[in-house]
Amino acid sequence: CWALRMARNEEKHFGQLNRLILQKQREEEEKRNPRRPKLWALHSAAEVKSWIPSIQREIDFNLKQCAVPHYPEKKIAEFRVQVDRLYVEYKQFLRRLRELD
């Protein structure tokens, strides 16, 4: 009985360590690749220009994923919806860039 409690405590401890490690990894990833801010939060043309390439990269990635023949139709449809959403966002960023220039 004592050995089982000891093992359970070790499992809990390792679980806490794992959560801390994963949290640090997420924070580091967030610093390296920050989320794209909302369009209303960008107030200069340079800020808007800096985010347009990330939208283009995401569109390219999703288009390439649509071309993978091994994905089921449902997955391909999700990628197409994502491409459509990103294209609308891309046009909004370009419109905002014209407004700020």
N, C-alpha and C. Protein backbone atom coordinates (compact mmCIF):
# COMPACT_ATOMS: atom_id res chain seq x y z
N CYS A 1 0.82 -1.19 0.00
CA CYS A 1 0.00 0.00 0.00
C CYS A 1 0.87 1.26 0.00
N TRP A 2 1.95 1.25 0.82
CA TRP A 2 2.85 2.39 0.90
C TRP A 2 3.55 2.63 -0.44
N ALA A 3 3.94 1.52 -1.09
CA ALA A 3 4.63 1.63 -2.38
C ALA A 3 3.70 2.20 -3.44
N LEU A 4 2.44 1.84 -3.39
CA LEU A 4 1.49 2.36 -4.37
C LEU A 4 1.29 3.86 -4.19
N ARG A 5 1.18 4.32 -2.94
CA ARG A 5 1.04 5.76 -2.70
C ARG A 5 2.28 6.50 -3.18
N MET A 6 3.44 5.91 -2.95
CA MET A 6 4.69 6.53 -3.38
C MET A 6 4.73 6.65 -4.90
N ALA A 7 4.33 5.58 -5.58
CA ALA A 7 4.31 5.61 -7.04
C ALA A 7 3.32 6.67 -7.54
N ARG A 8 2.17 6.74 -6.90
CA ARG A 8 1.16 7.73 -7.31
C ARG A 8 1.69 9.15 -7.12
N ASN A 9 2.39 9.40 -6.01
CA ASN A 9 2.97 10.73 -5.79
C ASN A 9 4.00 11.05 -6.86
N GLU A 10 4.81 10.07 -7.22
CA GLU A 10 5.79 10.30 -8.29
C GLU A 10 5.10 10.60 -9.60
N GLU A 11 4.03 9.88 -9.90
CA GLU A 11 3.28 10.14 -11.13
C GLU A 11 2.72 11.57 -11.13
N LYS A 12 2.18 11.99 -10.02
CA LYS A 12 1.66 13.36 -9.92
C LYS A 12 2.78 14.37 -10.13
N HIS A 13 3.92 14.11 -9.51
CA HIS A 13 5.05 15.03 -9.62
C HIS A 13 5.51 15.13 -11.08
N PHE A 14 5.64 13.97 -11.75
CA PHE A 14 6.06 14.00 -13.15
C PHE A 14 5.00 14.65 -14.03
N GLY A 15 3.75 14.48 -13.69
CA GLY A 15 2.68 15.15 -14.43
C GLY A 15 2.78 16.66 -14.30
N GLN A 16 3.08 17.15 -13.10
CA GLN A 16 3.25 18.59 -12.90
C GLN A 16 4.46 19.11 -13.67
N LEU A 17 5.56 18.35 -13.63
CA LEU A 17 6.75 18.75 -14.38
C LEU A 17 6.46 18.81 -15.87
N ASN A 18 5.74 17.82 -16.36
CA ASN A 18 5.40 17.78 -17.78
C ASN A 18 4.55 18.99 -18.17
N ARG A 19 3.57 19.34 -17.33
CA ARG A 19 2.75 20.52 -17.61
C ARG A 19 3.59 21.79 -17.64
N LEU A 20 4.53 21.91 -16.72
CA LEU A 20 5.40 23.10 -16.70
C LEU A 20 6.26 23.17 -17.96
N ILE A 21 6.81 22.03 -18.35
CA ILE A 21 7.65 22.00 -19.55
C ILE A 21 6.83 22.36 -20.78
N LEU A 22 5.65 21.80 -20.90
CA LEU A 22 4.79 22.11 -22.04
C LEU A 22 4.39 23.58 -22.06
N GLN A 23 4.12 24.15 -20.90
CA GLN A 23 3.76 25.56 -20.81
C GLN A 23 4.92 26.43 -21.26
N LYS A 24 6.14 26.10 -20.83
CA LYS A 24 7.31 26.87 -21.27
C LYS A 24 7.50 26.77 -22.77
N GLN A 25 7.32 25.56 -23.32
CA GLN A 25 7.46 25.39 -24.76
C GLN A 25 6.44 26.22 -25.52
N ARG A 26 5.19 26.25 -25.02
CA ARG A 26 4.16 27.06 -25.66
C ARG A 26 4.51 28.54 -25.61
N GLU A 27 5.03 29.01 -24.47
CA GLU A 27 5.41 30.41 -24.34
C GLU A 27 6.55 30.76 -25.29
N GLU A 28 7.54 29.88 -25.40
CA GLU A 28 8.66 30.12 -26.31
C GLU A 28 8.18 30.15 -27.76
N GLU A 29 7.28 29.24 -28.10
CA GLU A 29 6.73 29.20 -29.45
C GLU A 29 5.95 30.48 -29.74
N GLU A 30 5.21 30.96 -28.75
CA GLU A 30 4.44 32.19 -28.90
C GLU A 30 5.37 33.39 -29.12
N LYS A 31 6.53 33.40 -28.44
CA LYS A 31 7.49 34.49 -28.63
C LYS A 31 8.10 34.43 -30.02
N ARG A 32 8.41 33.21 -30.49
CA ARG A 32 9.02 33.07 -31.82
C ARG A 32 8.01 33.36 -32.93
N ASN A 33 6.79 32.88 -32.76
CA ASN A 33 5.75 33.05 -33.77
C ASN A 33 4.52 33.67 -33.12
N PRO A 34 4.53 34.99 -32.94
CA PRO A 34 3.38 35.62 -32.29
C PRO A 34 2.13 35.52 -33.16
N ARG A 35 0.99 35.54 -32.51
CA ARG A 35 -0.27 35.51 -33.24
C ARG A 35 -0.46 36.81 -33.99
N ARG A 36 -1.13 36.71 -35.12
CA ARG A 36 -1.39 37.90 -35.92
C ARG A 36 -2.41 38.76 -35.18
N PRO A 37 -2.10 40.05 -34.98
CA PRO A 37 -3.04 40.92 -34.26
C PRO A 37 -4.28 41.21 -35.11
N LYS A 38 -5.31 41.63 -34.45
CA LYS A 38 -6.52 42.03 -35.16
C LYS A 38 -6.22 43.27 -35.98
N LEU A 39 -6.91 43.41 -37.08
CA LEU A 39 -6.65 44.51 -38.00
C LEU A 39 -6.87 45.87 -37.34
N TRP A 40 -7.86 45.99 -36.48
CA TRP A 40 -8.13 47.27 -35.84
C TRP A 40 -7.02 47.67 -34.87
N ALA A 41 -6.15 46.73 -34.48
CA ALA A 41 -5.07 47.03 -33.54
C ALA A 41 -3.83 47.57 -34.25
N LEU A 42 -3.81 47.51 -35.58
CA LEU A 42 -2.65 47.99 -36.34
C LEU A 42 -2.91 49.42 -36.77
N HIS A 43 -1.95 50.30 -36.45
CA HIS A 43 -2.18 51.73 -36.69
C HIS A 43 -1.20 52.36 -37.68
N SER A 44 -0.29 51.58 -38.24
CA SER A 44 0.62 52.15 -39.23
C SER A 44 0.75 51.21 -40.42
N ALA A 45 1.13 51.79 -41.55
CA ALA A 45 1.28 50.99 -42.77
C ALA A 45 2.38 49.94 -42.59
N ALA A 46 3.43 50.28 -41.87
CA ALA A 46 4.54 49.33 -41.66
C ALA A 46 4.06 48.11 -40.87
N GLU A 47 3.23 48.33 -39.86
CA GLU A 47 2.70 47.21 -39.08
C GLU A 47 1.86 46.29 -39.95
N VAL A 48 1.01 46.88 -40.79
CA VAL A 48 0.15 46.09 -41.66
C VAL A 48 1.01 45.31 -42.67
N LYS A 49 1.99 45.99 -43.26
CA LYS A 49 2.87 45.34 -44.24
C LYS A 49 3.62 44.16 -43.63
N SER A 50 3.99 44.28 -42.37
CA SER A 50 4.78 43.21 -41.76
C SER A 50 3.97 41.92 -41.58
N TRP A 51 2.65 42.01 -41.54
CA TRP A 51 1.82 40.83 -41.32
C TRP A 51 1.29 40.21 -42.60
N ILE A 52 1.34 40.92 -43.72
CA ILE A 52 0.81 40.39 -44.98
C ILE A 52 1.54 39.12 -45.41
N PRO A 53 2.87 39.05 -45.32
CA PRO A 53 3.55 37.80 -45.72
C PRO A 53 3.11 36.57 -44.91
N SER A 54 2.77 36.77 -43.65
CA SER A 54 2.34 35.61 -42.85
C SER A 54 1.00 35.08 -43.36
N ILE A 55 0.13 35.97 -43.81
CA ILE A 55 -1.15 35.54 -44.38
C ILE A 55 -0.88 34.78 -45.67
N GLN A 56 0.02 35.30 -46.50
CA GLN A 56 0.34 34.62 -47.75
C GLN A 56 0.93 33.24 -47.50
N ARG A 57 1.79 33.12 -46.49
CA ARG A 57 2.37 31.81 -46.16
C ARG A 57 1.29 30.82 -45.74
N GLU A 58 0.35 31.30 -44.93
CA GLU A 58 -0.74 30.42 -44.48
C GLU A 58 -1.62 29.99 -45.66
N ILE A 59 -1.89 30.91 -46.58
CA ILE A 59 -2.68 30.57 -47.76
C ILE A 59 -1.95 29.51 -48.58
N ASP A 60 -0.64 29.72 -48.82
CA ASP A 60 0.14 28.74 -49.58
C ASP A 60 0.15 27.38 -48.90
N PHE A 61 0.33 27.36 -47.59
CA PHE A 61 0.35 26.10 -46.85
C PHE A 61 -0.98 25.36 -47.02
N ASN A 62 -2.08 26.08 -46.84
CA ASN A 62 -3.39 25.44 -46.93
C ASN A 62 -3.71 24.99 -48.35
N LEU A 63 -3.26 25.73 -49.35
CA LEU A 63 -3.46 25.30 -50.73
C LEU A 63 -2.68 24.02 -51.02
N LYS A 64 -1.46 23.93 -50.49
CA LYS A 64 -0.67 22.71 -50.67
C LYS A 64 -1.34 21.53 -49.97
N GLN A 65 -1.93 21.78 -48.80
CA GLN A 65 -2.62 20.71 -48.09
C GLN A 65 -3.85 20.24 -48.85
N CYS A 66 -4.49 21.15 -49.58
CA CYS A 66 -5.66 20.77 -50.39
C CYS A 66 -5.26 19.80 -51.50
N ALA A 67 -4.01 19.89 -51.95
CA ALA A 67 -3.55 19.07 -53.07
C ALA A 67 -3.08 17.68 -52.64
N VAL A 68 -3.00 17.42 -51.33
CA VAL A 68 -2.55 16.12 -50.86
C VAL A 68 -3.64 15.08 -51.16
N PRO A 69 -3.32 14.06 -51.95
CA PRO A 69 -4.38 13.12 -52.36
C PRO A 69 -4.84 12.16 -51.26
N HIS A 70 -4.10 12.02 -50.21
CA HIS A 70 -4.44 11.04 -49.17
C HIS A 70 -5.43 11.56 -48.14
N TYR A 71 -5.71 12.86 -48.14
CA TYR A 71 -6.64 13.40 -47.17
C TYR A 71 -8.08 13.08 -47.57
N PRO A 72 -8.95 12.87 -46.59
CA PRO A 72 -10.37 12.67 -46.92
C PRO A 72 -11.00 13.98 -47.39
N GLU A 73 -12.12 13.86 -48.06
CA GLU A 73 -12.80 15.04 -48.61
C GLU A 73 -13.15 16.06 -47.52
N LYS A 74 -13.53 15.59 -46.36
CA LYS A 74 -13.89 16.50 -45.26
C LYS A 74 -12.70 17.36 -44.88
N LYS A 75 -11.51 16.77 -44.78
CA LYS A 75 -10.30 17.50 -44.42
C LYS A 75 -9.95 18.53 -45.50
N ILE A 76 -10.08 18.13 -46.76
CA ILE A 76 -9.80 19.04 -47.87
C ILE A 76 -10.78 20.21 -47.86
N ALA A 77 -12.04 19.92 -47.54
CA ALA A 77 -13.04 20.98 -47.47
C ALA A 77 -12.70 21.97 -46.35
N GLU A 78 -12.19 21.46 -45.22
CA GLU A 78 -11.77 22.35 -44.13
C GLU A 78 -10.63 23.25 -44.58
N PHE A 79 -9.68 22.70 -45.32
CA PHE A 79 -8.57 23.52 -45.82
C PHE A 79 -9.08 24.59 -46.79
N ARG A 80 -10.05 24.24 -47.62
CA ARG A 80 -10.61 25.22 -48.57
C ARG A 80 -11.32 26.35 -47.83
N VAL A 81 -12.06 26.00 -46.79
CA VAL A 81 -12.74 27.02 -45.98
C VAL A 81 -11.69 27.94 -45.35
N GLN A 82 -10.61 27.36 -44.87
CA GLN A 82 -9.52 28.15 -44.26
C GLN A 82 -8.89 29.07 -45.31
N VAL A 83 -8.68 28.56 -46.52
CA VAL A 83 -8.12 29.40 -47.59
C VAL A 83 -9.04 30.56 -47.88
N ASP A 84 -10.34 30.30 -47.96
CA ASP A 84 -11.31 31.38 -48.22
C ASP A 84 -11.26 32.44 -47.12
N ARG A 85 -11.21 31.98 -45.87
CA ARG A 85 -11.16 32.91 -44.74
C ARG A 85 -9.88 33.75 -44.79
N LEU A 86 -8.76 33.09 -45.10
CA LEU A 86 -7.48 33.81 -45.16
C LEU A 86 -7.46 34.79 -46.33
N TYR A 87 -8.09 34.42 -47.45
CA TYR A 87 -8.12 35.33 -48.59
C TYR A 87 -8.91 36.59 -48.26
N VAL A 88 -10.02 36.43 -47.54
CA VAL A 88 -10.80 37.60 -47.11
C VAL A 88 -9.94 38.46 -46.18
N GLU A 89 -9.24 37.83 -45.25
CA GLU A 89 -8.38 38.57 -44.33
C GLU A 89 -7.27 39.29 -45.09
N TYR A 90 -6.70 38.62 -46.10
CA TYR A 90 -5.64 39.22 -46.92
C TYR A 90 -6.17 40.48 -47.61
N LYS A 91 -7.36 40.40 -48.19
CA LYS A 91 -7.94 41.57 -48.85
C LYS A 91 -8.21 42.69 -47.85
N GLN A 92 -8.64 42.34 -46.63
CA GLN A 92 -8.87 43.36 -45.60
C GLN A 92 -7.57 44.05 -45.23
N PHE A 93 -6.49 43.28 -45.11
CA PHE A 93 -5.19 43.87 -44.78
C PHE A 93 -4.73 44.79 -45.90
N LEU A 94 -4.93 44.39 -47.16
CA LEU A 94 -4.54 45.26 -48.27
C LEU A 94 -5.37 46.55 -48.29
N ARG A 95 -6.67 46.44 -48.00
CA ARG A 95 -7.53 47.62 -47.94
C ARG A 95 -7.06 48.56 -46.84
N ARG A 96 -6.73 47.99 -45.69
CA ARG A 96 -6.24 48.80 -44.55
C ARG A 96 -4.91 49.46 -44.91
N LEU A 97 -4.06 48.73 -45.63
CA LEU A 97 -2.77 49.29 -46.04
C LEU A 97 -2.98 50.49 -46.96
N ARG A 98 -3.93 50.39 -47.89
CA ARG A 98 -4.22 51.52 -48.77
C ARG A 98 -4.77 52.71 -47.98
N GLU A 99 -5.58 52.42 -46.95
CA GLU A 99 -6.13 53.50 -46.12
C GLU A 99 -5.01 54.24 -45.37
N LEU A 100 -4.03 53.49 -44.88
CA LEU A 100 -2.97 54.10 -44.07
C LEU A 100 -1.87 54.78 -44.89
N ASP A 101 -1.74 54.37 -46.16
CA ASP A 101 -0.69 54.99 -46.99
C ASP A 101 -1.04 56.34 -47.46
